Amino acid sequence: MAQVYLLLFAGLFLLFISGKFLVDSSVAISSRLRIPRMIIGLTVVAFGTSAPELLVSLQAAFSGYPEIAMGNVVGSNISNILLVLAITALIFPIPAPASSVKRDWPIMMGVSVLLYIFSINGWISRWEGGVFVALLAGYILYSVILSRGVERLEERETDRGHMKWWLAGVIFLLSCVGLAFGADLLVENVALIAEEIGLSNRVVSITMVAVGTSIPEVATSVIAALKKETDISVGNIIGSNIMNILSVLGFTSLVSPVSVSKEIAGFDIPWMLGVSLLLLLLMLPASRSRITRWEGSFMIVIYLLYIYLIF
């Protein structure tokens, strides 16, 4: 059994390292293309940090563990807000741009409600996955169009911007390979551990797998907060939650329809919707929005309550 846990942590380590370098190389390429920082946060960084969820969910679908695929997404969206943002706010209070309140949050809430509607019948079918993928394309196009009115990145390049094109490309490809291997190790060994200790795949995926695949979000948001790059910090979390639903569940259900258990549809997804509403309340009023340290502490308490309830 010790070997199983070692392989599990090896998978998590691969996901963390590969996710980090995937984000770094993606941001370096995007910066050289002079994409505005806000759009990098909402699309490039968000998609990069959602890559572990995507690979894990695809692997779970191929391996015949649909509850892991669904629990991974729902659990990640909950932990992104109650854990990732909370930890970031404890380090440095996070000002949330008005655009996050007025434009980005409604999109996140809209796709979350759509997920709830699709999950009522117990399945995310291929055509519903197709709807998610179509909405993903529309969201990316919408973000790019909006970027035309956003101030371009400063000519001063960050350390990431100094990365050479060929090096960024090689790192990107190696990171994708690392994510694939890490996802395979994580899914197979999580299933073994769940069977050994008598926990359902749902509980393990919502806790262990979801937190593990959220590590890139933790790293990215904490670094952004320390650098006071608040557009990336808040935009990354909201964008990542949107990407988790539209890309992860979209592509996964296109490969294989994803079953949704009664517990996830009746308890976990409503919790995800409630947590999303809580985020809106913490970001209001939009004119002087700020997530403080005590609010971050409150979110961690709520997260611990949720973990207690699912066990």
C-alpha atoms as a PDB file:
ATOM      1  CA  MET A   1       0.000   0.000   0.000  1.00  0.00           C
ATOM      2  CA  ALA A   2       2.943   2.304   0.651  1.00  0.00           C
ATOM      3  CA  GLN A   3       3.871   2.041  -3.015  1.00  0.00           C
ATOM      4  CA  VAL A   4       0.377   3.207  -3.999  1.00  0.00           C
ATOM      5  CA  TYR A   5       0.726   6.349  -1.885  1.00  0.00           C
ATOM      6  CA  LEU A   6       4.201   7.011  -3.313  1.00  0.00           C
ATOM      7  CA  LEU A   7       2.836   6.737  -6.854  1.00  0.00           C
ATOM      8  CA  LEU A   8      -0.066   9.007  -5.889  1.00  0.00           C
ATOM      9  CA  PHE A   9       2.276  11.717  -4.623  1.00  0.00           C
ATOM     10  CA  ALA A  10       4.471  11.226  -7.694  1.00  0.00           C
ATOM     11  CA  GLY A  11       1.407  11.920  -9.827  1.00  0.00           C
ATOM     12  CA  LEU A  12       0.573  15.038  -7.807  1.00  0.00           C
ATOM     13  CA  PHE A  13       4.178  16.234  -8.092  1.00  0.00           C
ATOM     14  CA  LEU A  14       4.157  15.718 -11.855  1.00  0.00           C
ATOM     15  CA  LEU A  15       0.861  17.634 -12.122  1.00  0.00           C
ATOM     16  CA  PHE A  16       2.255  20.497 -10.035  1.00  0.00           C
ATOM     17  CA  ILE A  17       5.570  20.820 -11.881  1.00  0.00           C
ATOM     18  CA  SER A  18       4.035  20.303 -15.315  1.00  0.00           C
ATOM     19  CA  GLY A  19       1.171  22.704 -14.545  1.00  0.00           C
ATOM     20  CA  LYS A  20       3.594  25.378 -13.374  1.00  0.00           C
ATOM     21  CA  PHE A  21       5.825  25.147 -16.442  1.00  0.00           C
ATOM     22  CA  LEU A  22       2.796  24.949 -18.732  1.00  0.00           C
ATOM     23  CA  VAL A  23       1.553  28.259 -17.303  1.00  0.00           C
ATOM     24  CA  ASP A  24       5.025  29.845 -17.471  1.00  0.00           C
ATOM     25  CA  SER A  25       5.585  28.869 -21.094  1.00  0.00           C
ATOM     26  CA  SER A  26       2.030  29.838 -22.105  1.00  0.00           C
ATOM     27  CA  VAL A  27       2.351  33.268 -20.480  1.00  0.00           C
ATOM     28  CA  ALA A  28       5.769  33.787 -22.098  1.00  0.00           C
ATOM     29  CA  ILE A  29       4.331  33.052 -25.545  1.00  0.00           C
ATOM     30  CA  SER A  30       1.268  35.221 -24.867  1.00  0.00           C
ATOM     31  CA  SER A  31       3.402  38.104 -23.608  1.00  0.00           C
ATOM     32  CA  ARG A  32       5.494  38.033 -26.760  1.00  0.00           C
ATOM     33  CA  LEU A  33       2.242  38.197 -28.729  1.00  0.00           C
ATOM     34  CA  ARG A  34       1.444  41.339 -26.664  1.00  0.00           C
ATOM     35  CA  ILE A  35      -1.828  39.954 -25.289  1.00  0.00           C
ATOM     36  CA  PRO A  36      -3.188  42.190 -22.466  1.00  0.00           C
ATOM     37  CA  ARG A  37      -2.485  40.986 -18.917  1.00  0.00           C
ATOM     38  CA  MET A  38      -6.200  40.740 -18.026  1.00  0.00           C
ATOM     39  CA  ILE A  39      -6.887  38.455 -20.991  1.00  0.00           C
ATOM     40  CA  ILE A  40      -3.854  36.326 -20.108  1.00  0.00           C
ATOM     41  CA  GLY A  41      -5.417  35.816 -16.675  1.00  0.00           C
ATOM     42  CA  LEU A  42      -8.885  34.998 -17.976  1.00  0.00           C
ATOM     43  CA  THR A  43      -7.883  32.663 -20.804  1.00  0.00           C
ATOM     44  CA  VAL A  44      -4.234  31.582 -21.123  1.00  0.00           C
ATOM     45  CA  VAL A  45      -3.410  31.212 -17.418  1.00  0.00           C
ATOM     46  CA  ALA A  46      -6.893  29.917 -16.592  1.00  0.00           C
ATOM     47  CA  PHE A  47      -6.715  27.261 -19.312  1.00  0.00           C
ATOM     48  CA  GLY A  48      -3.172  26.329 -18.312  1.00  0.00           C
ATOM     49  CA  THR A  49      -4.083  25.896 -14.657  1.00  0.00           C
ATOM     50  CA  SER A  50      -7.156  23.873 -15.684  1.00  0.00           C
ATOM     51  CA  ALA A  51      -5.000  21.465 -17.685  1.00  0.00           C
ATOM     52  CA  PRO A  52      -4.490  19.078 -14.705  1.00  0.00           C
ATOM     53  CA  GLU A  53      -8.276  18.857 -14.231  1.00  0.00           C
ATOM     54  CA  LEU A  54      -8.726  18.195 -17.957  1.00  0.00           C
ATOM     55  CA  LEU A  55      -6.108  15.436 -18.122  1.00  0.00           C
ATOM     56  CA  VAL A  56      -7.294  13.812 -14.886  1.00  0.00           C
ATOM     57  CA  SER A  57     -10.946  13.893 -15.989  1.00  0.00           C
ATOM     58  CA  LEU A  58     -10.131  12.475 -19.427  1.00  0.00           C
ATOM     59  CA  GLN A  59      -8.057   9.735 -17.832  1.00  0.00           C
ATOM     60  CA  ALA A  60     -10.879   8.989 -15.382  1.00  0.00           C
ATOM     61  CA  ALA A  61     -13.379   8.728 -18.253  1.00  0.00           C
ATOM     62  CA  PHE A  62     -11.096   6.379 -20.209  1.00  0.00           C
ATOM     63  CA  SER A  63     -10.458   4.275 -17.087  1.00  0.00           C
ATOM     64  CA  GLY A  64     -14.144   3.883 -16.247  1.00  0.00           C
ATOM     65  CA  TYR A  65     -14.310   6.172 -13.209  1.00  0.00           C
ATOM     66  CA  PRO A  66     -16.904   8.812 -14.216  1.00  0.00           C
ATOM     67  CA  GLU A  67     -17.458   9.992 -10.619  1.00  0.00           C
ATOM     68  CA  ILE A  68     -13.809  11.044 -10.451  1.00  0.00           C
ATOM     69  CA  ALA A  69     -14.242  13.163 -13.597  1.00  0.00           C
ATOM     70  CA  MET A  70     -17.317  14.988 -12.259  1.00  0.00           C
ATOM     71  CA  GLY A  71     -16.139  15.219  -8.648  1.00  0.00           C
ATOM     72  CA  ASN A  72     -12.805  16.606  -9.816  1.00  0.00           C
ATOM     73  CA  VAL A  73     -14.442  19.547 -11.605  1.00  0.00           C
ATOM     74  CA  VAL A  74     -17.023  20.387  -8.941  1.00  0.00           C
ATOM     75  CA  GLY A  75     -14.525  19.942  -6.108  1.00  0.00           C
ATOM     76  CA  SER A  76     -11.912  22.052  -7.914  1.00  0.00           C
ATOM     77  CA  ASN A  77     -14.375  24.911  -8.474  1.00  0.00           C
ATOM     78  CA  ILE A  78     -15.287  24.884  -4.775  1.00  0.00           C
ATOM     79  CA  SER A  79     -11.672  24.702  -3.597  1.00  0.00           C
ATOM     80  CA  ASN A  80     -10.585  27.394  -6.094  1.00  0.00           C
ATOM     81  CA  ILE A  81     -12.800  29.899  -4.283  1.00  0.00           C
ATOM     82  CA  LEU A  82     -12.833  28.671  -0.686  1.00  0.00           C
ATOM     83  CA  LEU A  83      -9.211  27.540  -0.564  1.00  0.00           C
ATOM     84  CA  VAL A  84      -7.113  29.122  -3.317  1.00  0.00           C
ATOM     85  CA  LEU A  85      -8.588  32.626  -3.097  1.00  0.00           C
ATOM     86  CA  ALA A  86      -8.702  32.362   0.695  1.00  0.00           C
ATOM     87  CA  ILE A  87      -5.007  31.466   0.980  1.00  0.00           C
ATOM     88  CA  THR A  88      -4.147  34.254  -1.456  1.00  0.00           C
ATOM     89  CA  ALA A  89      -6.203  36.787   0.555  1.00  0.00           C
ATOM     90  CA  LEU A  90      -4.446  35.749   3.765  1.00  0.00           C
ATOM     91  CA  ILE A  91      -1.110  36.584   2.158  1.00  0.00           C
ATOM     92  CA  PHE A  92      -2.278  39.857   0.604  1.00  0.00           C
ATOM     93  CA  PRO A  93      -5.826  41.310   0.536  1.00  0.00           C
ATOM     94  CA  ILE A  94      -7.103  41.010  -3.021  1.00  0.00           C
ATOM     95  CA  PRO A  95      -8.704  43.963  -4.783  1.00  0.00           C
ATOM     96  CA  ALA A  96     -11.171  42.559  -7.339  1.00  0.00           C
ATOM     97  CA  PRO A  97     -11.578  44.621 -10.536  1.00  0.00           C
ATOM     98  CA  ALA A  98     -15.083  45.881 -11.259  1.00  0.00           C
ATOM     99  CA  SER A  99     -14.942  43.913 -14.512  1.00  0.00           C
ATOM    100  CA  SER A 100     -14.736  40.697 -12.494  1.00  0.00           C
ATOM    101  CA  VAL A 101     -17.965  41.610 -10.693  1.00  0.00           C
ATOM    102  CA  LYS A 102     -19.928  42.954 -13.640  1.00  0.00           C
ATOM    103  CA  ARG A 103     -18.758  40.696 -16.471  1.00  0.00           C
ATOM    104  CA  ASP A 104     -16.682  37.660 -15.444  1.00  0.00           C
ATOM    105  CA  TRP A 105     -18.671  36.494 -12.410  1.00  0.00           C
ATOM    106  CA  PRO A 106     -22.022  36.400 -14.296  1.00  0.00           C
ATOM    107  CA  ILE A 107     -20.406  34.180 -16.936  1.00  0.00           C
ATOM    108  CA  MET A 108     -19.058  31.835 -14.253  1.00  0.00           C
ATOM    109  CA  MET A 109     -22.437  31.699 -12.523  1.00  0.00           C
ATOM    110  CA  GLY A 110     -24.254  31.182 -15.817  1.00  0.00           C
ATOM    111  CA  VAL A 111     -22.201  28.145 -16.845  1.00  0.00           C
ATOM    112  CA  SER A 112     -22.453  26.772 -13.277  1.00  0.00           C
ATOM    113  CA  VAL A 113     -26.260  26.961 -13.420  1.00  0.00           C
ATOM    114  CA  LEU A 114     -26.162  25.314 -16.858  1.00  0.00           C
ATOM    115  CA  LEU A 115     -24.099  22.477 -15.376  1.00  0.00           C
ATOM    116  CA  TYR A 116     -26.729  22.019 -12.673  1.00  0.00           C
ATOM    117  CA  ILE A 117     -29.510  21.878 -15.284  1.00  0.00           C
ATOM    118  CA  PHE A 118     -27.591  19.346 -17.403  1.00  0.00           C
ATOM    119  CA  SER A 119     -26.790  17.167 -14.355  1.00  0.00           C
ATOM    120  CA  ILE A 120     -30.403  16.762 -13.186  1.00  0.00           C
ATOM    121  CA  ASN A 121     -30.997  13.720 -15.413  1.00  0.00           C
ATOM    122  CA  GLY A 122     -27.862  11.991 -14.082  1.00  0.00           C
ATOM    123  CA  TRP A 123     -25.701  12.396 -17.202  1.00  0.00           C
ATOM    124  CA  ILE A 124     -23.665  14.937 -19.108  1.00  0.00           C
ATOM    125  CA  SER A 125     -24.310  13.656 -22.624  1.00  0.00           C
ATOM    126  CA  ARG A 126     -22.208  14.184 -25.743  1.00  0.00           C
ATOM    127  CA  TRP A 127     -24.526  16.858 -27.120  1.00  0.00           C
ATOM    128  CA  GLU A 128     -24.420  18.698 -23.794  1.00  0.00           C
ATOM    129  CA  GLY A 129     -20.635  18.434 -23.923  1.00  0.00           C
ATOM    130  CA  GLY A 130     -20.847  19.932 -27.393  1.00  0.00           C
ATOM    131  CA  VAL A 131     -22.817  22.857 -25.954  1.00  0.00           C
ATOM    132  CA  PHE A 132     -20.064  23.408 -23.364  1.00  0.00           C
ATOM    133  CA  VAL A 133     -17.342  23.346 -26.040  1.00  0.00           C
ATOM    134  CA  ALA A 134     -19.299  25.793 -28.230  1.00  0.00           C
ATOM    135  CA  LEU A 135     -19.715  28.130 -25.251  1.00  0.00           C
ATOM    136  CA  LEU A 136     -15.972  27.784 -24.567  1.00  0.00           C
ATOM    137  CA  ALA A 137     -15.190  28.975 -28.086  1.00  0.00           C
ATOM    138  CA  GLY A 138     -17.617  31.881 -27.644  1.00  0.00           C
ATOM    139  CA  TYR A 139     -16.085  32.808 -24.279  1.00  0.00           C
ATOM    140  CA  ILE A 140     -12.558  32.895 -25.693  1.00  0.00           C
ATOM    141  CA  LEU A 141     -13.704  34.954 -28.694  1.00  0.00           C
ATOM    142  CA  TYR A 142     -15.594  37.325 -26.366  1.00  0.00           C
ATOM    143  CA  SER A 143     -12.478  37.789 -24.207  1.00  0.00           C
ATOM    144  CA  VAL A 144     -10.296  38.502 -27.236  1.00  0.00           C
ATOM    145  CA  ILE A 145     -12.759  41.083 -28.585  1.00  0.00           C
ATOM    146  CA  LEU A 146     -12.881  42.826 -25.212  1.00  0.00           C
ATOM    147  CA  SER A 147      -9.099  42.898 -25.087  1.00  0.00           C
ATOM    148  CA  ARG A 148      -9.049  45.442 -27.916  1.00  0.00           C
ATOM    149  CA  GLY A 149     -10.175  48.066 -25.452  1.00  0.00           C
ATOM    150  CA  VAL A 150      -7.717  47.033 -22.766  1.00  0.00           C
ATOM    151  CA  GLU A 151      -4.362  48.712 -22.394  1.00  0.00           C
ATOM    152  CA  ARG A 152      -1.583  46.649 -23.919  1.00  0.00           C
ATOM    153  CA  LEU A 153       1.118  45.064 -21.820  1.00  0.00           C
ATOM    154  CA  GLU A 154       3.974  47.436 -20.993  1.00  0.00           C
ATOM    155  CA  GLU A 155       7.041  47.235 -23.165  1.00  0.00           C
ATOM    156  CA  ARG A 156       8.982  46.256 -20.050  1.00  0.00           C
ATOM    157  CA  GLU A 157       9.060  42.482 -20.134  1.00  0.00           C
ATOM    158  CA  THR A 158       8.824  40.264 -17.099  1.00  0.00           C
ATOM    159  CA  ASP A 159      11.190  37.343 -16.538  1.00  0.00           C
ATOM    160  CA  ARG A 160       8.706  35.127 -18.333  1.00  0.00           C
ATOM    161  CA  GLY A 161       8.764  37.440 -21.308  1.00  0.00           C
ATOM    162  CA  HIS A 162      12.552  36.845 -21.704  1.00  0.00           C
ATOM    163  CA  MET A 163      11.972  33.158 -22.429  1.00  0.00           C
ATOM    164  CA  LYS A 164      12.975  32.340 -25.993  1.00  0.00           C
ATOM    165  CA  TRP A 165      10.317  31.154 -28.433  1.00  0.00           C
ATOM    166  CA  TRP A 166      11.863  27.735 -29.006  1.00  0.00           C
ATOM    167  CA  LEU A 167      12.445  27.185 -25.288  1.00  0.00           C
ATOM    168  CA  ALA A 168       8.853  28.141 -24.439  1.00  0.00           C
ATOM    169  CA  GLY A 169       7.613  25.717 -27.099  1.00  0.00           C
ATOM    170  CA  VAL A 170       9.767  22.826 -25.823  1.00  0.00           C
ATOM    171  CA  ILE A 171       8.720  23.471 -22.204  1.00  0.00           C
ATOM    172  CA  PHE A 172       5.064  23.622 -23.256  1.00  0.00           C
ATOM    173  CA  LEU A 173       5.252  20.226 -25.010  1.00  0.00           C
ATOM    174  CA  LEU A 174       7.166  18.576 -22.149  1.00  0.00           C
ATOM    175  CA  SER A 175       4.639  19.976 -19.678  1.00  0.00           C
ATOM    176  CA  CYS A 176       1.774  18.400 -21.633  1.00  0.00           C
ATOM    177  CA  VAL A 177       3.542  15.021 -21.496  1.00  0.00           C
ATOM    178  CA  GLY A 178       4.151  15.443 -17.754  1.00  0.00           C
ATOM    179  CA  LEU A 179       0.487  16.266 -17.176  1.00  0.00           C
ATOM    180  CA  ALA A 180      -0.586  13.129 -19.033  1.00  0.00           C
ATOM    181  CA  PHE A 181       1.694  10.862 -16.965  1.00  0.00           C
ATOM    182  CA  GLY A 182       0.753  12.625 -13.735  1.00  0.00           C
ATOM    183  CA  ALA A 183      -2.957  12.294 -14.467  1.00  0.00           C
ATOM    184  CA  ASP A 184      -2.578   8.570 -15.160  1.00  0.00           C
ATOM    185  CA  LEU A 185      -0.710   7.972 -11.884  1.00  0.00           C
ATOM    186  CA  LEU A 186      -3.198  10.058  -9.894  1.00  0.00           C
ATOM    187  CA  VAL A 187      -6.393   8.452 -11.213  1.00  0.00           C
ATOM    188  CA  GLU A 188      -5.227   4.846 -10.975  1.00  0.00           C
ATOM    189  CA  ASN A 189      -3.831   5.159  -7.457  1.00  0.00           C
ATOM    190  CA  VAL A 190      -6.682   7.285  -6.103  1.00  0.00           C
ATOM    191  CA  ALA A 191      -9.094   4.551  -7.190  1.00  0.00           C
ATOM    192  CA  LEU A 192      -6.980   1.947  -5.370  1.00  0.00           C
ATOM    193  CA  ILE A 193      -6.832   4.059  -2.204  1.00  0.00           C
ATOM    194  CA  ALA A 194     -10.588   4.700  -2.266  1.00  0.00           C
ATOM    195  CA  GLU A 195     -11.236   0.980  -2.513  1.00  0.00           C
ATOM    196  CA  GLU A 196      -8.725   0.182   0.233  1.00  0.00           C
ATOM    197  CA  ILE A 197     -10.014   2.652   2.859  1.00  0.00           C
ATOM    198  CA  GLY A 198     -13.684   2.266   1.949  1.00  0.00           C
ATOM    199  CA  LEU A 199     -14.374   5.779   0.640  1.00  0.00           C
ATOM    200  CA  SER A 200     -16.404   6.465  -2.486  1.00  0.00           C
ATOM    201  CA  ASN A 201     -14.717   7.773  -5.623  1.00  0.00           C
ATOM    202  CA  ARG A 202     -16.910  10.867  -5.230  1.00  0.00           C
ATOM    203  CA  VAL A 203     -15.477  11.785  -1.810  1.00  0.00           C
ATOM    204  CA  VAL A 204     -11.874  11.092  -2.812  1.00  0.00           C
ATOM    205  CA  SER A 205     -12.206  13.024  -6.082  1.00  0.00           C
ATOM    206  CA  ILE A 206     -13.842  16.042  -4.437  1.00  0.00           C
ATOM    207  CA  THR A 207     -11.163  16.230  -1.735  1.00  0.00           C
ATOM    208  CA  MET A 208      -7.817  14.669  -2.617  1.00  0.00           C
ATOM    209  CA  VAL A 209      -8.015  14.847  -6.412  1.00  0.00           C
ATOM    210  CA  ALA A 210      -9.659  18.290  -6.555  1.00  0.00           C
ATOM    211  CA  VAL A 211      -7.157  19.883  -4.159  1.00  0.00           C
ATOM    212  CA  GLY A 212      -4.267  18.165  -5.937  1.00  0.00           C
ATOM    213  CA  THR A 213      -5.283  19.432  -9.366  1.00  0.00           C
ATOM    214  CA  SER A 214      -5.862  22.916  -7.885  1.00  0.00           C
ATOM    215  CA  ILE A 215      -2.208  23.229  -6.864  1.00  0.00           C
ATOM    216  CA  PRO A 216      -1.321  25.193 -10.049  1.00  0.00           C
ATOM    217  CA  GLU A 217      -4.078  27.695  -9.182  1.00  0.00           C
ATOM    218  CA  VAL A 218      -2.630  28.046  -5.674  1.00  0.00           C
ATOM    219  CA  ALA A 219       0.873  28.688  -7.008  1.00  0.00           C
ATOM    220  CA  THR A 220      -0.258  31.091  -9.737  1.00  0.00           C
ATOM    221  CA  SER A 221      -2.600  33.114  -7.500  1.00  0.00           C
ATOM    222  CA  VAL A 222      -0.158  33.366  -4.581  1.00  0.00           C
ATOM    223  CA  ILE A 223       2.639  34.543  -6.881  1.00  0.00           C
ATOM    224  CA  ALA A 224       0.271  37.037  -8.531  1.00  0.00           C
ATOM    225  CA  ALA A 225      -0.807  38.353  -5.121  1.00  0.00           C
ATOM    226  CA  LEU A 226       2.795  38.759  -3.948  1.00  0.00           C
ATOM    227  CA  LYS A 227       3.525  40.722  -7.122  1.00  0.00           C
ATOM    228  CA  LYS A 228       0.244  42.665  -6.641  1.00  0.00           C
ATOM    229  CA  GLU A 229      -0.890  41.552 -10.107  1.00  0.00           C
ATOM    230  CA  THR A 230      -4.503  41.435  -8.946  1.00  0.00           C
ATOM    231  CA  ASP A 231      -6.057  41.188 -12.413  1.00  0.00           C
ATOM    232  CA  ILE A 232      -4.319  37.859 -12.896  1.00  0.00           C
ATOM    233  CA  SER A 233      -5.025  36.663  -9.334  1.00  0.00           C
ATOM    234  CA  VAL A 234      -8.810  37.151  -9.369  1.00  0.00           C
ATOM    235  CA  GLY A 235      -9.195  36.668 -13.116  1.00  0.00           C
ATOM    236  CA  ASN A 236      -7.318  33.382 -12.912  1.00  0.00           C
ATOM    237  CA  ILE A 237      -9.741  31.881 -10.384  1.00  0.00           C
ATOM    238  CA  ILE A 238     -12.914  32.991 -12.157  1.00  0.00           C
ATOM    239  CA  GLY A 239     -11.522  32.049 -15.552  1.00  0.00           C
ATOM    240  CA  SER A 240     -10.313  28.693 -14.266  1.00  0.00           C
ATOM    241  CA  ASN A 241     -13.779  27.843 -12.896  1.00  0.00           C
ATOM    242  CA  ILE A 242     -15.308  28.727 -16.254  1.00  0.00           C
ATOM    243  CA  MET A 243     -12.703  26.624 -18.072  1.00  0.00           C
ATOM    244  CA  ASN A 244     -13.200  23.682 -15.698  1.00  0.00           C
ATOM    245  CA  ILE A 245     -16.843  23.404 -16.689  1.00  0.00           C
ATOM    246  CA  LEU A 246     -16.688  24.362 -20.352  1.00  0.00           C
ATOM    247  CA  SER A 247     -13.414  22.698 -21.356  1.00  0.00           C
ATOM    248  CA  VAL A 248     -12.893  19.883 -18.846  1.00  0.00           C
ATOM    249  CA  LEU A 249     -16.477  18.583 -18.766  1.00  0.00           C
ATOM    250  CA  GLY A 250     -17.065  19.620 -22.367  1.00  0.00           C
ATOM    251  CA  PHE A 251     -14.198  17.636 -23.874  1.00  0.00           C
ATOM    252  CA  THR A 252     -14.515  14.769 -21.384  1.00  0.00           C
ATOM    253  CA  SER A 253     -18.212  14.213 -22.133  1.00  0.00           C
ATOM    254  CA  LEU A 254     -17.506  14.369 -25.871  1.00  0.00           C
ATOM    255  CA  VAL A 255     -15.123  11.459 -25.382  1.00  0.00           C
ATOM    256  CA  SER A 256     -17.509   9.560 -23.098  1.00  0.00           C
ATOM    257  CA  PRO A 257     -20.802  10.696 -21.495  1.00  0.00           C
ATOM    258  CA  VAL A 258     -20.146  11.520 -17.828  1.00  0.00           C
ATOM    259  CA  SER A 259     -22.495  10.094 -15.215  1.00  0.00           C
ATOM    260  CA  VAL A 260     -23.532  12.363 -12.322  1.00  0.00           C
ATOM    261  CA  SER A 261     -24.394  10.706  -9.011  1.00  0.00           C
ATOM    262  CA  LYS A 262     -27.358  11.857  -6.931  1.00  0.00           C
ATOM    263  CA  GLU A 263     -24.967  13.096  -4.233  1.00  0.00           C
ATOM    264  CA  ILE A 264     -23.049  15.309  -6.656  1.00  0.00           C
ATOM    265  CA  ALA A 265     -26.194  16.610  -8.402  1.00  0.00           C
ATOM    266  CA  GLY A 266     -28.156  17.132  -5.187  1.00  0.00           C
ATOM    267  CA  PHE A 267     -25.448  18.302  -2.795  1.00  0.00           C
ATOM    268  CA  ASP A 268     -22.074  19.173  -4.307  1.00  0.00           C
ATOM    269  CA  ILE A 269     -23.237  21.222  -7.308  1.00  0.00           C
ATOM    270  CA  PRO A 270     -25.675  23.275  -5.154  1.00  0.00           C
ATOM    271  CA  TRP A 271     -22.735  23.907  -2.810  1.00  0.00           C
ATOM    272  CA  MET A 272     -20.701  25.086  -5.800  1.00  0.00           C
ATOM    273  CA  LEU A 273     -23.509  27.500  -6.732  1.00  0.00           C
ATOM    274  CA  GLY A 274     -23.713  28.762  -3.145  1.00  0.00           C
ATOM    275  CA  VAL A 275     -19.948  29.286  -2.995  1.00  0.00           C
ATOM    276  CA  SER A 276     -20.131  31.258  -6.259  1.00  0.00           C
ATOM    277  CA  LEU A 277     -22.814  33.497  -4.725  1.00  0.00           C
ATOM    278  CA  LEU A 278     -20.622  33.958  -1.654  1.00  0.00           C
ATOM    279  CA  LEU A 279     -17.787  35.141  -3.898  1.00  0.00           C
ATOM    280  CA  LEU A 280     -20.075  37.785  -5.399  1.00  0.00           C
ATOM    281  CA  LEU A 281     -21.044  39.041  -1.938  1.00  0.00           C
ATOM    282  CA  LEU A 282     -17.378  39.296  -0.965  1.00  0.00           C
ATOM    283  CA  MET A 283     -16.595  41.291  -4.117  1.00  0.00           C
ATOM    284  CA  LEU A 284     -19.377  43.846  -3.598  1.00  0.00           C
ATOM    285  CA  PRO A 285     -19.583  46.795  -3.913  1.00  0.00           C
ATOM    286  CA  ALA A 286     -17.881  46.631  -7.286  1.00  0.00           C
ATOM    287  CA  SER A 287     -16.533  50.193  -7.031  1.00  0.00           C
ATOM    288  CA  ARG A 288     -14.223  49.327  -4.099  1.00  0.00           C
ATOM    289  CA  SER A 289     -14.190  45.558  -4.060  1.00  0.00           C
ATOM    290  CA  ARG A 290     -11.622  43.900  -1.813  1.00  0.00           C
ATOM    291  CA  ILE A 291     -11.330  40.400  -0.358  1.00  0.00           C
ATOM    292  CA  THR A 292      -9.770  40.931   3.058  1.00  0.00           C
ATOM    293  CA  ARG A 293      -7.780  38.618   5.327  1.00  0.00           C
ATOM    294  CA  TRP A 294     -10.696  37.984   7.661  1.00  0.00           C
ATOM    295  CA  GLU A 295     -12.897  37.138   4.678  1.00  0.00           C
ATOM    296  CA  GLY A 296     -10.199  34.715   3.532  1.00  0.00           C
ATOM    297  CA  SER A 297     -10.254  33.112   6.987  1.00  0.00           C
ATOM    298  CA  PHE A 298     -14.049  32.870   6.805  1.00  0.00           C
ATOM    299  CA  MET A 299     -13.845  31.080   3.438  1.00  0.00           C
ATOM    300  CA  ILE A 300     -11.425  28.511   4.854  1.00  0.00           C
ATOM    301  CA  VAL A 301     -13.861  27.813   7.716  1.00  0.00           C
ATOM    302  CA  ILE A 302     -16.671  27.308   5.164  1.00  0.00           C
ATOM    303  CA  TYR A 303     -14.449  24.929   3.197  1.00  0.00           C
ATOM    304  CA  LEU A 304     -13.661  22.865   6.299  1.00  0.00           C
ATOM    305  CA  LEU A 305     -17.406  22.700   7.045  1.00  0.00           C
ATOM    306  CA  TYR A 306     -18.055  21.399   3.531  1.00  0.00           C
ATOM    307  CA  ILE A 307     -15.368  18.718   3.873  1.00  0.00           C
ATOM    308  CA  TYR A 308     -16.855  17.680   7.219  1.00  0.00           C
ATOM    309  CA  LEU A 309     -20.337  17.371   5.703  1.00  0.00           C
ATOM    310  CA  ILE A 310     -19.306  15.179   2.756  1.00  0.00           C
ATOM    311  CA  PHE A 311     -17.578  12.722   5.080  1.00  0.00           C
END
